[in-house]
Amino acid sequence: MQQADKKTDKGAAIIPFASDRGRLRFLLHTTFTGRRKGLLVDFGGGGRTGESAAATAAREFVEETEGMYFGDTRGYLQMRSGEIARQQSLIQRRIEATLAQHPGWQCQRQASGGKITRTWQTFFVEIDYRPVTELNRLWAEDDEQRYRKQRELIWMPASRLLECYRAHPERLWNRLREYQGVEEIVEQIERTYHPPEKLTPAS
């Protein structure tokens, strides 16, 4: 295994968001099998030697969406290295562009009791909205011959994501429960894209 492929004690993830007909939505996913089955999870994982946090998050998004969100439906195993690099670069640039304007739209991970599990950064990143019904259908019908793992992408309204954090944290994968300040960040993004209407003083 090459040095660049070795895992480190760092990790990163992204929680993408987009505007769908004027409504703010956040992209999460669930898996059909394994420990995360049925739970809402973001797109992330452990870093590799020499990777920045943004590069790790971008790579994980491409891997976990099988390259289909920003490409065709062939699946990650059939992608050429140049296409993988193109998508990772695209997402990394969007992470950097978002942070340049909104440096606070990121959070760290801290386990219960205050213990830090690993050095971790999660970025909230704006992407172009794409319906995911067709992608989910392809995953559901696959017999693990075409795609690496069956998943379901879910566009969640900001209000529903906040409800999960405030009333139903059991619906979230452990990692998401450990993120610090998510509710405040989601509310900030909501206010940025949908500022409250200004009241006109009564005459």
N, C-alpha and C. Protein backbone atom coordinates (compact mmCIF):
# COMPACT_ATOMS: atom_id res chain seq x y z
N MET A 1 0.85 -1.20 0.00
CA MET A 1 0.00 0.00 0.00
C MET A 1 0.88 1.24 0.00
N GLN A 2 0.54 2.22 -0.81
CA GLN A 2 1.32 3.42 -0.89
C GLN A 2 1.12 4.27 0.36
N GLN A 3 2.14 5.09 0.64
CA GLN A 3 2.10 5.94 1.83
C GLN A 3 0.86 6.82 1.84
N ALA A 4 0.47 7.34 0.68
CA ALA A 4 -0.66 8.27 0.62
C ALA A 4 -1.97 7.62 0.99
N ASP A 5 -2.02 6.27 0.96
CA ASP A 5 -3.26 5.58 1.25
C ASP A 5 -3.39 5.21 2.73
N LYS A 6 -2.36 5.45 3.52
CA LYS A 6 -2.43 5.08 4.93
C LYS A 6 -3.38 5.99 5.68
N LYS A 7 -4.13 5.39 6.59
CA LYS A 7 -5.08 6.16 7.40
C LYS A 7 -4.33 6.95 8.47
N THR A 8 -4.92 8.04 8.90
CA THR A 8 -4.36 8.86 9.96
C THR A 8 -5.35 8.92 11.12
N ASP A 9 -4.98 9.67 12.16
CA ASP A 9 -5.90 9.84 13.30
C ASP A 9 -6.83 11.02 13.09
N LYS A 10 -6.92 11.50 11.85
CA LYS A 10 -7.80 12.61 11.53
C LYS A 10 -8.94 12.14 10.64
N GLY A 11 -10.01 12.91 10.63
CA GLY A 11 -11.14 12.60 9.77
C GLY A 11 -11.87 13.86 9.38
N ALA A 12 -12.72 13.74 8.37
CA ALA A 12 -13.47 14.90 7.90
C ALA A 12 -14.72 14.44 7.18
N ALA A 13 -15.67 15.35 7.06
CA ALA A 13 -16.94 15.02 6.41
C ALA A 13 -17.56 16.29 5.86
N ILE A 14 -18.57 16.11 5.01
CA ILE A 14 -19.36 17.25 4.57
C ILE A 14 -20.85 16.95 4.77
N ILE A 15 -21.57 18.01 5.04
CA ILE A 15 -23.03 17.98 5.01
C ILE A 15 -23.44 18.98 3.93
N PRO A 16 -23.73 18.50 2.73
CA PRO A 16 -24.09 19.41 1.65
C PRO A 16 -25.48 20.01 1.87
N PHE A 17 -25.68 21.19 1.31
CA PHE A 17 -27.01 21.79 1.32
C PHE A 17 -27.25 22.47 -0.01
N ALA A 18 -28.53 22.66 -0.34
CA ALA A 18 -28.90 23.28 -1.62
C ALA A 18 -30.28 23.89 -1.49
N SER A 19 -30.59 24.77 -2.40
CA SER A 19 -31.91 25.38 -2.46
C SER A 19 -32.73 24.68 -3.53
N ASP A 20 -33.87 24.15 -3.13
CA ASP A 20 -34.79 23.47 -4.05
C ASP A 20 -36.07 24.29 -4.12
N ARG A 21 -36.22 25.03 -5.21
CA ARG A 21 -37.41 25.87 -5.40
C ARG A 21 -37.66 26.78 -4.19
N GLY A 22 -36.57 27.36 -3.73
CA GLY A 22 -36.66 28.31 -2.63
C GLY A 22 -36.65 27.69 -1.25
N ARG A 23 -36.57 26.37 -1.17
CA ARG A 23 -36.56 25.70 0.12
C ARG A 23 -35.18 25.09 0.39
N LEU A 24 -34.62 25.42 1.53
CA LEU A 24 -33.29 24.94 1.89
C LEU A 24 -33.35 23.49 2.33
N ARG A 25 -32.47 22.67 1.76
CA ARG A 25 -32.42 21.25 2.11
C ARG A 25 -30.97 20.82 2.36
N PHE A 26 -30.82 19.83 3.24
CA PHE A 26 -29.52 19.28 3.58
C PHE A 26 -29.48 17.82 3.15
N LEU A 27 -28.35 17.41 2.58
CA LEU A 27 -28.23 16.06 2.03
C LEU A 27 -27.54 15.12 3.02
N LEU A 28 -28.26 14.06 3.40
CA LEU A 28 -27.71 12.99 4.23
C LEU A 28 -28.00 11.67 3.52
N HIS A 29 -27.60 10.56 4.14
CA HIS A 29 -27.92 9.27 3.53
C HIS A 29 -28.06 8.20 4.60
N THR A 30 -28.63 7.08 4.21
CA THR A 30 -28.71 5.90 5.06
C THR A 30 -28.18 4.71 4.27
N THR A 31 -27.84 3.66 4.98
CA THR A 31 -27.40 2.43 4.33
C THR A 31 -28.40 1.32 4.62
N PHE A 32 -28.36 0.27 3.80
CA PHE A 32 -29.31 -0.83 3.91
C PHE A 32 -28.80 -1.92 4.86
N THR A 33 -27.49 -1.92 5.12
CA THR A 33 -26.89 -2.96 5.97
C THR A 33 -25.83 -2.32 6.87
N GLY A 34 -25.35 -3.12 7.83
CA GLY A 34 -24.26 -2.67 8.67
C GLY A 34 -24.71 -1.88 9.88
N ARG A 35 -23.73 -1.35 10.62
CA ARG A 35 -24.02 -0.63 11.86
C ARG A 35 -24.86 0.61 11.66
N ARG A 36 -24.73 1.22 10.49
CA ARG A 36 -25.44 2.48 10.22
C ARG A 36 -26.82 2.26 9.62
N LYS A 37 -27.23 1.04 9.47
CA LYS A 37 -28.49 0.74 8.79
C LYS A 37 -29.65 1.56 9.37
N GLY A 38 -30.32 2.29 8.48
CA GLY A 38 -31.50 3.04 8.87
C GLY A 38 -31.24 4.36 9.57
N LEU A 39 -29.98 4.66 9.88
CA LEU A 39 -29.65 5.90 10.58
C LEU A 39 -29.19 6.96 9.58
N LEU A 40 -29.42 8.20 9.92
CA LEU A 40 -29.00 9.30 9.06
C LEU A 40 -27.52 9.58 9.30
N VAL A 41 -26.77 9.70 8.21
CA VAL A 41 -25.33 9.92 8.32
C VAL A 41 -24.88 10.89 7.24
N ASP A 42 -23.80 11.59 7.53
CA ASP A 42 -23.24 12.51 6.55
C ASP A 42 -22.25 11.77 5.66
N PHE A 43 -21.40 12.49 4.96
CA PHE A 43 -20.45 11.87 4.04
C PHE A 43 -19.05 12.15 4.55
N GLY A 44 -18.40 11.13 5.12
CA GLY A 44 -17.08 11.37 5.69
C GLY A 44 -16.40 10.11 6.14
N GLY A 45 -15.16 10.28 6.61
CA GLY A 45 -14.39 9.15 7.08
C GLY A 45 -12.98 9.58 7.44
N GLY A 46 -12.12 8.59 7.67
CA GLY A 46 -10.76 8.85 8.08
C GLY A 46 -9.90 9.45 6.98
N GLY A 47 -8.96 10.29 7.40
CA GLY A 47 -8.07 10.91 6.44
C GLY A 47 -6.92 10.00 6.05
N ARG A 48 -6.23 10.38 5.00
CA ARG A 48 -5.04 9.67 4.54
C ARG A 48 -3.83 10.59 4.68
N THR A 49 -2.67 9.99 4.77
CA THR A 49 -1.45 10.77 4.93
C THR A 49 -1.31 11.78 3.80
N GLY A 50 -1.09 13.03 4.18
CA GLY A 50 -0.90 14.07 3.18
C GLY A 50 -2.16 14.77 2.74
N GLU A 51 -3.32 14.30 3.18
CA GLU A 51 -4.59 14.92 2.80
C GLU A 51 -4.95 16.06 3.74
N SER A 52 -5.49 17.12 3.18
CA SER A 52 -6.11 18.15 4.01
C SER A 52 -7.49 17.66 4.42
N ALA A 53 -8.08 18.33 5.40
CA ALA A 53 -9.44 17.94 5.82
C ALA A 53 -10.42 18.10 4.67
N ALA A 54 -10.28 19.18 3.90
CA ALA A 54 -11.18 19.40 2.77
C ALA A 54 -11.02 18.30 1.72
N ALA A 55 -9.79 17.86 1.49
CA ALA A 55 -9.56 16.79 0.52
C ALA A 55 -10.15 15.48 0.99
N THR A 56 -10.04 15.20 2.29
CA THR A 56 -10.64 13.98 2.84
C THR A 56 -12.15 14.00 2.66
N ALA A 57 -12.78 15.11 3.02
CA ALA A 57 -14.23 15.22 2.91
C ALA A 57 -14.69 15.08 1.47
N ALA A 58 -13.96 15.69 0.54
CA ALA A 58 -14.31 15.60 -0.88
C ALA A 58 -14.19 14.17 -1.38
N ARG A 59 -13.11 13.50 -1.01
CA ARG A 59 -12.93 12.10 -1.44
C ARG A 59 -14.04 11.21 -0.90
N GLU A 60 -14.38 11.39 0.37
CA GLU A 60 -15.41 10.56 0.97
C GLU A 60 -16.77 10.78 0.30
N PHE A 61 -17.07 12.02 -0.07
CA PHE A 61 -18.35 12.28 -0.73
C PHE A 61 -18.41 11.55 -2.07
N VAL A 62 -17.35 11.62 -2.85
CA VAL A 62 -17.34 10.94 -4.14
C VAL A 62 -17.47 9.43 -3.96
N GLU A 63 -16.75 8.88 -3.00
CA GLU A 63 -16.81 7.44 -2.76
C GLU A 63 -18.20 7.01 -2.31
N GLU A 64 -18.78 7.74 -1.38
CA GLU A 64 -20.04 7.30 -0.78
C GLU A 64 -21.26 7.58 -1.66
N THR A 65 -21.11 8.48 -2.61
CA THR A 65 -22.19 8.67 -3.59
C THR A 65 -21.90 7.91 -4.87
N GLU A 66 -20.83 7.12 -4.87
CA GLU A 66 -20.42 6.33 -6.04
C GLU A 66 -20.13 7.21 -7.26
N GLY A 67 -19.82 8.47 -7.01
CA GLY A 67 -19.55 9.38 -8.11
C GLY A 67 -20.77 9.74 -8.93
N MET A 68 -21.96 9.35 -8.46
CA MET A 68 -23.17 9.54 -9.27
C MET A 68 -23.77 10.93 -9.13
N TYR A 69 -23.53 11.58 -7.99
CA TYR A 69 -24.19 12.87 -7.81
C TYR A 69 -23.69 13.90 -8.83
N PHE A 70 -22.40 13.91 -9.06
CA PHE A 70 -21.82 14.86 -10.01
C PHE A 70 -21.40 14.19 -11.32
N GLY A 71 -21.87 12.97 -11.54
CA GLY A 71 -21.51 12.27 -12.77
C GLY A 71 -22.64 11.40 -13.27
N ASP A 72 -22.28 10.33 -13.95
CA ASP A 72 -23.30 9.41 -14.46
C ASP A 72 -23.54 8.30 -13.45
N THR A 73 -24.24 7.25 -13.86
CA THR A 73 -24.65 6.21 -12.91
C THR A 73 -23.85 4.92 -13.04
N ARG A 74 -22.65 5.01 -13.59
CA ARG A 74 -21.84 3.79 -13.73
C ARG A 74 -21.42 3.22 -12.39
N GLY A 75 -21.20 4.07 -11.42
CA GLY A 75 -20.75 3.62 -10.12
C GLY A 75 -19.25 3.84 -9.96
N TYR A 76 -18.82 3.90 -8.70
CA TYR A 76 -17.44 4.24 -8.38
C TYR A 76 -16.45 3.25 -8.96
N LEU A 77 -16.79 1.96 -8.94
CA LEU A 77 -15.86 0.94 -9.41
C LEU A 77 -15.55 1.08 -10.89
N GLN A 78 -16.44 1.71 -11.64
CA GLN A 78 -16.25 1.87 -13.08
C GLN A 78 -15.69 3.25 -13.45
N MET A 79 -15.48 4.10 -12.47
CA MET A 79 -14.99 5.45 -12.76
C MET A 79 -13.51 5.45 -13.10
N ARG A 80 -13.14 6.26 -14.05
CA ARG A 80 -11.74 6.45 -14.38
C ARG A 80 -11.10 7.39 -13.36
N SER A 81 -9.80 7.24 -13.17
CA SER A 81 -9.11 8.04 -12.16
C SER A 81 -9.24 9.53 -12.43
N GLY A 82 -9.27 9.91 -13.71
CA GLY A 82 -9.40 11.32 -14.05
C GLY A 82 -10.74 11.90 -13.63
N GLU A 83 -11.81 11.11 -13.77
CA GLU A 83 -13.14 11.56 -13.37
C GLU A 83 -13.24 11.65 -11.85
N ILE A 84 -12.63 10.71 -11.15
CA ILE A 84 -12.62 10.76 -9.69
C ILE A 84 -11.91 12.03 -9.22
N ALA A 85 -10.76 12.31 -9.82
CA ALA A 85 -10.00 13.50 -9.46
C ALA A 85 -10.78 14.78 -9.77
N ARG A 86 -11.50 14.79 -10.90
CA ARG A 86 -12.28 15.97 -11.28
C ARG A 86 -13.35 16.26 -10.25
N GLN A 87 -14.08 15.22 -9.84
CA GLN A 87 -15.15 15.42 -8.87
C GLN A 87 -14.61 15.83 -7.51
N GLN A 88 -13.53 15.20 -7.09
CA GLN A 88 -12.95 15.56 -5.80
C GLN A 88 -12.48 17.00 -5.79
N SER A 89 -11.87 17.43 -6.89
CA SER A 89 -11.41 18.81 -7.00
C SER A 89 -12.58 19.78 -6.98
N LEU A 90 -13.67 19.42 -7.66
CA LEU A 90 -14.85 20.27 -7.69
C LEU A 90 -15.40 20.50 -6.29
N ILE A 91 -15.53 19.41 -5.53
CA ILE A 91 -16.10 19.51 -4.18
C ILE A 91 -15.15 20.25 -3.25
N GLN A 92 -13.86 19.97 -3.38
CA GLN A 92 -12.90 20.66 -2.53
C GLN A 92 -12.93 22.17 -2.78
N ARG A 93 -13.06 22.58 -4.03
CA ARG A 93 -13.15 24.01 -4.33
C ARG A 93 -14.41 24.62 -3.72
N ARG A 94 -15.50 23.85 -3.71
CA ARG A 94 -16.74 24.37 -3.12
C ARG A 94 -16.61 24.49 -1.60
N ILE A 95 -15.92 23.55 -0.99
CA ILE A 95 -15.67 23.66 0.44
C ILE A 95 -14.88 24.93 0.74
N GLU A 96 -13.82 25.13 -0.02
CA GLU A 96 -12.96 26.29 0.21
C GLU A 96 -13.70 27.59 -0.07
N ALA A 97 -14.54 27.60 -1.10
CA ALA A 97 -15.30 28.81 -1.43
C ALA A 97 -16.31 29.14 -0.33
N THR A 98 -16.96 28.10 0.20
CA THR A 98 -17.93 28.31 1.28
C THR A 98 -17.25 28.86 2.52
N LEU A 99 -16.10 28.26 2.89
CA LEU A 99 -15.39 28.71 4.08
C LEU A 99 -14.84 30.12 3.93
N ALA A 100 -14.48 30.50 2.70
CA ALA A 100 -13.97 31.85 2.48
C ALA A 100 -15.02 32.89 2.82
N GLN A 101 -16.28 32.58 2.54
CA GLN A 101 -17.38 33.50 2.83
C GLN A 101 -17.95 33.30 4.22
N HIS A 102 -17.96 32.04 4.67
CA HIS A 102 -18.59 31.71 5.96
C HIS A 102 -17.68 30.77 6.75
N PRO A 103 -16.60 31.29 7.33
CA PRO A 103 -15.65 30.43 8.04
C PRO A 103 -16.25 29.66 9.21
N GLY A 104 -17.40 30.11 9.71
CA GLY A 104 -18.01 29.42 10.84
C GLY A 104 -18.87 28.24 10.47
N TRP A 105 -19.03 27.98 9.18
CA TRP A 105 -19.89 26.88 8.75
C TRP A 105 -19.12 25.56 8.74
N GLN A 106 -18.55 25.23 9.86
CA GLN A 106 -17.86 23.96 10.07
C GLN A 106 -17.93 23.65 11.55
N CYS A 107 -17.79 22.38 11.87
CA CYS A 107 -17.87 22.00 13.28
C CYS A 107 -16.90 20.87 13.56
N GLN A 108 -16.66 20.65 14.84
CA GLN A 108 -15.78 19.58 15.29
C GLN A 108 -16.60 18.52 16.01
N ARG A 109 -15.95 17.43 16.27
CA ARG A 109 -16.61 16.27 16.86
C ARG A 109 -16.08 16.04 18.27
N GLN A 110 -16.99 15.82 19.20
CA GLN A 110 -16.60 15.56 20.58
C GLN A 110 -17.55 14.55 21.19
N ALA A 111 -17.01 13.46 21.69
CA ALA A 111 -17.84 12.41 22.26
C ALA A 111 -18.44 12.86 23.59
N SER A 112 -19.45 12.12 24.05
CA SER A 112 -20.08 12.44 25.33
C SER A 112 -19.05 12.38 26.44
N GLY A 113 -19.19 13.26 27.43
CA GLY A 113 -18.23 13.32 28.51
C GLY A 113 -17.06 14.23 28.20
N GLY A 114 -17.06 14.83 27.02
CA GLY A 114 -16.00 15.77 26.67
C GLY A 114 -14.78 15.14 26.06
N LYS A 115 -14.77 13.83 25.86
CA LYS A 115 -13.60 13.16 25.29
C LYS A 115 -13.58 13.32 23.78
N ILE A 116 -12.47 13.80 23.25
CA ILE A 116 -12.32 13.95 21.81
C ILE A 116 -11.94 12.60 21.20
N THR A 117 -12.75 12.11 20.27
CA THR A 117 -12.51 10.80 19.69
C THR A 117 -11.37 10.82 18.67
N ARG A 118 -11.31 11.84 17.86
CA ARG A 118 -10.21 12.03 16.91
C ARG A 118 -10.32 13.45 16.38
N THR A 119 -9.25 13.92 15.78
CA THR A 119 -9.30 15.25 15.18
C THR A 119 -10.23 15.20 13.99
N TRP A 120 -11.25 16.03 14.01
CA TRP A 120 -12.31 15.90 13.01
C TRP A 120 -12.84 17.27 12.61
N GLN A 121 -13.10 17.43 11.31
CA GLN A 121 -13.74 18.63 10.79
C GLN A 121 -14.88 18.24 9.88
N THR A 122 -16.02 18.86 10.08
CA THR A 122 -17.17 18.65 9.20
C THR A 122 -17.57 19.99 8.60
N PHE A 123 -17.71 19.99 7.29
CA PHE A 123 -17.99 21.22 6.55
C PHE A 123 -19.42 21.21 6.02
N PHE A 124 -20.09 22.34 6.15
CA PHE A 124 -21.39 22.55 5.51
C PHE A 124 -21.13 23.23 4.18
N VAL A 125 -21.52 22.59 3.09
CA VAL A 125 -21.11 23.03 1.76
C VAL A 125 -22.31 23.16 0.83
N GLU A 126 -22.39 24.29 0.15
CA GLU A 126 -23.47 24.47 -0.82
C GLU A 126 -23.13 23.76 -2.13
N ILE A 127 -24.07 22.98 -2.64
CA ILE A 127 -23.92 22.33 -3.93
C ILE A 127 -25.17 22.61 -4.76
N ASP A 128 -25.11 22.27 -6.03
CA ASP A 128 -26.29 22.41 -6.89
C ASP A 128 -27.29 21.31 -6.55
N TYR A 129 -28.56 21.68 -6.49
CA TYR A 129 -29.59 20.69 -6.16
C TYR A 129 -29.78 19.71 -7.31
N ARG A 130 -29.90 18.44 -6.95
CA ARG A 130 -30.21 17.38 -7.91
C ARG A 130 -31.20 16.42 -7.28
N PRO A 131 -32.31 16.11 -7.95
CA PRO A 131 -33.22 15.09 -7.42
C PRO A 131 -32.49 13.75 -7.30
N VAL A 132 -32.79 12.99 -6.27
CA VAL A 132 -32.05 11.76 -6.02
C VAL A 132 -32.90 10.50 -6.17
N THR A 133 -34.14 10.64 -6.62
CA THR A 133 -35.03 9.48 -6.75
C THR A 133 -34.44 8.41 -7.65
N GLU A 134 -33.91 8.81 -8.79
CA GLU A 134 -33.36 7.84 -9.74
C GLU A 134 -32.12 7.16 -9.17
N LEU A 135 -31.27 7.91 -8.50
CA LEU A 135 -30.08 7.31 -7.90
C LEU A 135 -30.48 6.30 -6.83
N ASN A 136 -31.46 6.63 -6.02
CA ASN A 136 -31.92 5.71 -4.99
C ASN A 136 -32.52 4.45 -5.59
N ARG A 137 -33.23 4.59 -6.70
CA ARG A 137 -33.81 3.42 -7.36
C ARG A 137 -32.71 2.47 -7.84
N LEU A 138 -31.66 3.02 -8.41
CA LEU A 138 -30.56 2.19 -8.90
C LEU A 138 -29.89 1.45 -7.76
N TRP A 139 -29.68 2.12 -6.65
CA TRP A 139 -29.10 1.44 -5.49
C TRP A 139 -30.01 0.33 -4.97
N ALA A 140 -31.30 0.63 -4.86
CA ALA A 140 -32.25 -0.34 -4.30
C ALA A 140 -32.34 -1.60 -5.16
N GLU A 141 -32.19 -1.44 -6.47
CA GLU A 141 -32.33 -2.58 -7.38
C GLU A 141 -31.02 -3.33 -7.59
N ASP A 142 -29.93 -2.80 -7.09
CA ASP A 142 -28.62 -3.42 -7.33
C ASP A 142 -28.41 -4.63 -6.43
N ASP A 143 -27.75 -5.64 -6.97
CA ASP A 143 -27.45 -6.85 -6.20
C ASP A 143 -25.97 -6.87 -5.80
N GLU A 144 -25.41 -5.68 -5.60
CA GLU A 144 -24.01 -5.49 -5.21
C GLU A 144 -23.04 -5.92 -6.31
N GLN A 145 -23.52 -5.96 -7.52
CA GLN A 145 -22.65 -6.25 -8.66
C GLN A 145 -22.15 -4.96 -9.31
N ARG A 146 -22.95 -3.91 -9.21
CA ARG A 146 -22.62 -2.65 -9.88
C ARG A 146 -22.06 -1.62 -8.91
N TYR A 147 -22.65 -1.55 -7.73
CA TYR A 147 -22.25 -0.54 -6.76
C TYR A 147 -21.64 -1.20 -5.53
N ARG A 148 -20.81 -0.45 -4.83
CA ARG A 148 -20.09 -1.02 -3.70
C ARG A 148 -20.99 -1.28 -2.50
N LYS A 149 -21.97 -0.41 -2.30
CA LYS A 149 -22.85 -0.56 -1.14
C LYS A 149 -24.16 0.15 -1.42
N GLN A 150 -25.26 -0.48 -1.03
CA GLN A 150 -26.56 0.14 -1.24
C GLN A 150 -26.79 1.28 -0.24
N ARG A 151 -27.26 2.40 -0.78
CA ARG A 151 -27.53 3.56 0.05
C ARG A 151 -28.83 4.21 -0.39
N GLU A 152 -29.28 5.14 0.41
CA GLU A 152 -30.41 5.98 0.04
C GLU A 152 -30.07 7.42 0.40
N LEU A 153 -30.06 8.30 -0.59
CA LEU A 153 -29.81 9.71 -0.34
C LEU A 153 -31.11 10.39 0.09
N ILE A 154 -30.99 11.32 1.03
CA ILE A 154 -32.18 11.98 1.58
C ILE A 154 -31.93 13.48 1.65
N TRP A 155 -32.77 14.24 0.96
CA TRP A 155 -32.76 15.69 1.08
C TRP A 155 -33.70 16.08 2.22
N MET A 156 -33.15 16.65 3.28
CA MET A 156 -33.93 17.00 4.45
C MET A 156 -34.12 18.51 4.56
N PRO A 157 -35.35 18.98 4.73
CA PRO A 157 -35.55 20.40 5.03
C PRO A 157 -34.83 20.77 6.32
N ALA A 158 -34.41 22.01 6.42
CA ALA A 158 -33.69 22.46 7.61
C ALA A 158 -34.50 22.19 8.87
N SER A 159 -35.81 22.40 8.81
CA SER A 159 -36.66 22.20 9.99
C SER A 159 -36.64 20.75 10.46
N ARG A 160 -36.60 19.83 9.51
CA ARG A 160 -36.60 18.41 9.88
C ARG A 160 -35.25 18.00 10.47
N LEU A 161 -34.16 18.53 9.93
CA LEU A 161 -32.85 18.23 10.49
C LEU A 161 -32.75 18.76 11.91
N LEU A 162 -33.23 19.96 12.14
CA LEU A 162 -33.22 20.52 13.49
C LEU A 162 -34.09 19.70 14.43
N GLU A 163 -35.21 19.20 13.94
CA GLU A 163 -36.09 18.36 14.76
C GLU A 163 -35.38 17.09 15.19
N CYS A 164 -34.59 16.51 14.29
CA CYS A 164 -33.84 15.29 14.65
C CYS A 164 -32.88 15.58 15.79
N TYR A 165 -32.18 16.69 15.71
CA TYR A 165 -31.22 17.02 16.76
C TYR A 165 -31.91 17.33 18.09
N ARG A 166 -33.05 17.98 18.03
CA ARG A 166 -33.69 18.44 19.25
C ARG A 166 -34.63 17.41 19.89
N ALA A 167 -35.25 16.59 19.07
CA ALA A 167 -36.27 15.68 19.60
C ALA A 167 -36.02 14.21 19.29
N HIS A 168 -35.27 13.91 18.23
CA HIS A 168 -35.08 12.51 17.84
C HIS A 168 -33.63 12.20 17.48
N PRO A 169 -32.70 12.42 18.41
CA PRO A 169 -31.29 12.14 18.10
C PRO A 169 -31.02 10.67 17.81
N GLU A 170 -31.93 9.80 18.24
CA GLU A 170 -31.73 8.36 17.97
C GLU A 170 -31.79 8.05 16.48
N ARG A 171 -32.28 8.97 15.67
CA ARG A 171 -32.33 8.76 14.22
C ARG A 171 -30.99 9.06 13.55
N LEU A 172 -30.07 9.66 14.31
CA LEU A 172 -28.79 10.08 13.76
C LEU A 172 -27.70 9.07 14.09
N TRP A 173 -26.81 8.85 13.14
CA TRP A 173 -25.63 8.03 13.39
C TRP A 173 -24.79 8.70 14.47
N ASN A 174 -24.09 7.89 15.28
CA ASN A 174 -23.36 8.39 16.44
C ASN A 174 -22.53 9.63 16.14
N ARG A 175 -21.84 9.61 15.02
CA ARG A 175 -20.94 10.71 14.69
C ARG A 175 -21.68 12.05 14.64
N LEU A 176 -22.86 12.04 14.07
CA LEU A 176 -23.62 13.29 13.96
C LEU A 176 -24.05 13.81 15.33
N ARG A 177 -24.28 12.90 16.27
CA ARG A 177 -24.68 13.32 17.61
C ARG A 177 -23.52 13.99 18.35
N GLU A 178 -22.30 13.69 17.91
CA GLU A 178 -21.11 14.22 18.57
C GLU A 178 -20.65 15.57 18.02
N TYR A 179 -21.26 16.01 16.95
CA TYR A 179 -20.88 17.30 16.36
C TYR A 179 -21.31 18.44 17.28
N GLN A 180 -20.45 19.43 17.38
CA GLN A 180 -20.70 20.57 18.26
C GLN A 180 -21.24 21.76 17.46
N GLY A 181 -22.38 22.29 17.88
CA GLY A 181 -22.91 23.52 17.29
C GLY A 181 -23.65 23.36 15.99
N VAL A 182 -24.11 22.15 15.67
CA VAL A 182 -24.81 21.94 14.39
C VAL A 182 -26.08 22.79 14.30
N GLU A 183 -26.86 22.81 15.35
CA GLU A 183 -28.13 23.56 15.30
C GLU A 183 -27.89 25.03 14.98
N GLU A 184 -26.89 25.62 15.61
CA GLU A 184 -26.59 27.03 15.36
C GLU A 184 -26.16 27.26 13.92
N ILE A 185 -25.36 26.34 13.38
CA ILE A 185 -24.90 26.49 12.00
C ILE A 185 -26.06 26.37 11.02
N VAL A 186 -26.91 25.38 11.23
CA VAL A 186 -28.08 25.21 10.35
C VAL A 186 -28.96 26.45 10.39
N GLU A 187 -29.16 27.00 11.57
CA GLU A 187 -29.97 28.21 11.70
C GLU A 187 -29.31 29.40 10.99
N GLN A 188 -27.98 29.49 11.09
CA GLN A 188 -27.27 30.57 10.40
C GLN A 188 -27.42 30.44 8.88
N ILE A 189 -27.30 29.23 8.37
CA ILE A 189 -27.45 29.01 6.93
C ILE A 189 -28.88 29.37 6.52
N GLU A 190 -29.84 28.96 7.32
CA GLU A 190 -31.24 29.26 7.03
C GLU A 190 -31.47 30.77 6.97
N ARG A 191 -30.91 31.49 7.92
CA ARG A 191 -31.08 32.94 7.93
C ARG A 191 -30.39 33.60 6.75
N THR A 192 -29.26 33.04 6.34
CA THR A 192 -28.52 33.61 5.21
C THR A 192 -29.30 33.48 3.92
N TYR A 193 -29.93 32.33 3.73
CA TYR A 193 -30.65 32.08 2.48
C TYR A 193 -32.11 32.52 2.54
N HIS A 194 -32.65 32.59 3.74
CA HIS A 194 -34.04 33.02 3.90
C HIS A 194 -34.12 33.99 5.07
N PRO A 195 -33.61 35.20 4.87
CA PRO A 195 -33.63 36.18 5.98
C PRO A 195 -35.06 36.51 6.38
N PRO A 196 -35.28 36.76 7.67
CA PRO A 196 -36.64 37.11 8.12
C PRO A 196 -37.10 38.40 7.47
N GLU A 197 -38.39 38.46 7.19
CA GLU A 197 -38.93 39.66 6.56
C GLU A 197 -38.86 40.84 7.52
N LYS A 198 -38.48 41.97 6.96
CA LYS A 198 -38.42 43.18 7.78
C LYS A 198 -39.83 43.74 7.99
N LEU A 199 -40.12 44.08 9.21
CA LEU A 199 -41.43 44.63 9.53
C LEU A 199 -41.45 46.12 9.22
N THR A 200 -42.48 46.56 8.56
CA THR A 200 -42.64 47.97 8.24
C THR A 200 -43.32 48.68 9.40
N PRO A 201 -42.69 49.70 9.96
CA PRO A 201 -43.31 50.40 11.10
C PRO A 201 -44.69 50.94 10.72
N ALA A 202 -45.60 50.83 11.66
CA ALA A 202 -46.95 51.36 11.42
C ALA A 202 -46.90 52.88 11.32
N SER A 203 -47.66 53.42 10.42
CA SER A 203 -47.67 54.87 10.23
C SER A 203 -48.59 55.52 11.27
